[in-house]
Amino acid sequence: MLRVTLYRGRACGLCDRAEVLLARIGRRLPLAVEAVDIASDPELEAKYFLEIPVIEAEGRVIAQGRIAEPALAAELEALLAERHGP
């Protein structure tokens, strides 16, 4: 299972879309997605305010802003493959 964090804001259409994309991709890949409202933490808000949505997995940002589903799915598949080896 790949742990994925979605940093999002309130009333953010791109964030809502990113959440839908992750749910859709999660139907075929083993993902554990946690959505974090950046307004809950001043440091996160300062860091990501102009970047949201931000998707992080394996400790690194893999997508942000306008996110294309095929590119996101490919990145998540690659991370899962790295984890499980060839």
Protein backbone atom coordinates (compact mmCIF):
# COMPACT_ATOMS: atom_id res chain seq x y z
CA MET A 1 0.00 0.00 0.00
CA LEU A 2 1.34 3.40 -1.01
CA ARG A 3 0.66 6.26 1.42
CA VAL A 4 -0.35 9.41 -0.43
CA THR A 5 -1.01 12.83 1.06
CA LEU A 6 -3.18 15.38 -0.70
CA TYR A 7 -2.56 18.89 0.61
CA ARG A 8 -5.68 20.86 -0.20
CA GLY A 9 -7.57 24.02 0.61
CA ARG A 10 -11.19 24.77 1.35
CA ALA A 11 -13.42 25.69 -1.57
CA CYS A 12 -10.69 24.65 -4.02
CA GLY A 13 -12.03 23.20 -7.26
CA LEU A 14 -8.63 21.87 -8.35
CA CYS A 15 -8.29 20.18 -4.95
CA ASP A 16 -11.73 18.56 -5.31
CA ARG A 17 -10.70 17.30 -8.75
CA ALA A 18 -7.40 15.93 -7.40
CA GLU A 19 -9.32 14.03 -4.71
CA VAL A 20 -11.58 12.50 -7.35
CA LEU A 21 -8.56 11.52 -9.47
CA LEU A 22 -6.89 9.83 -6.51
CA ALA A 23 -10.09 7.95 -5.66
CA ARG A 24 -10.40 6.79 -9.26
CA ILE A 25 -6.75 5.69 -9.46
CA GLY A 26 -7.12 4.07 -6.03
CA ARG A 27 -9.68 1.67 -7.46
CA ARG A 28 -6.89 -0.06 -9.37
CA LEU A 29 -3.78 0.74 -7.32
CA PRO A 30 -3.29 0.09 -3.59
CA LEU A 31 -3.34 3.64 -2.21
CA ALA A 32 -3.98 4.99 1.27
CA VAL A 33 -4.91 8.63 0.68
CA GLU A 34 -4.97 11.24 3.42
CA ALA A 35 -6.38 14.68 2.62
CA VAL A 36 -4.88 17.49 4.70
CA ASP A 37 -6.46 20.93 4.81
CA ILE A 38 -3.51 23.34 4.74
CA ALA A 39 -5.56 25.87 6.74
CA SER A 40 -5.15 23.56 9.75
CA ASP A 41 -1.41 24.30 9.93
CA PRO A 42 0.18 27.75 9.40
CA GLU A 43 3.43 26.19 8.12
CA LEU A 44 1.60 24.11 5.52
CA GLU A 45 -0.48 27.10 4.52
CA ALA A 46 2.63 29.23 4.03
CA LYS A 47 4.38 26.46 2.09
CA TYR A 48 1.55 25.33 -0.21
CA PHE A 49 -0.93 28.23 -0.42
CA LEU A 50 -0.08 29.09 -4.04
CA GLU A 51 0.64 25.49 -5.06
CA ILE A 52 -2.47 23.50 -4.04
CA PRO A 53 -3.45 20.90 -4.69
CA VAL A 54 -0.17 19.18 -3.84
CA ILE A 55 0.16 15.40 -3.89
CA GLU A 56 3.00 13.83 -1.97
CA ALA A 57 4.05 10.17 -1.90
CA GLU A 58 7.19 8.48 -0.58
CA GLY A 59 8.22 11.79 0.97
CA ARG A 60 8.28 13.76 -2.27
CA VAL A 61 5.89 15.95 -4.20
CA ILE A 62 4.72 14.08 -7.28
CA ALA A 63 2.05 16.48 -8.59
CA GLN A 64 0.64 19.94 -7.96
CA GLY A 65 -1.69 22.53 -9.42
CA ARG A 66 -3.50 21.30 -12.52
CA ILE A 67 -3.02 17.56 -12.40
CA ALA A 68 -3.39 15.24 -15.38
CA GLU A 69 -4.76 11.83 -14.44
CA PRO A 70 -2.54 9.79 -16.81
CA ALA A 71 0.64 11.46 -15.51
CA LEU A 72 -0.43 11.04 -11.88
CA ALA A 73 -1.32 7.37 -12.41
CA ALA A 74 2.01 6.74 -14.14
CA GLU A 75 3.93 8.38 -11.28
CA LEU A 76 2.07 6.33 -8.66
CA GLU A 77 2.58 3.11 -10.65
CA ALA A 78 6.31 3.88 -10.89
CA LEU A 79 6.54 4.43 -7.13
CA LEU A 80 4.77 1.15 -6.46
CA ALA A 81 7.09 -0.65 -8.90
CA GLU A 82 10.16 0.86 -7.18
CA ARG A 83 8.88 -0.40 -3.87
CA HIS A 84 8.31 -3.92 -5.06
CA GLY A 85 11.35 -4.21 -7.29
CA PRO A 86 11.48 -5.70 -10.78
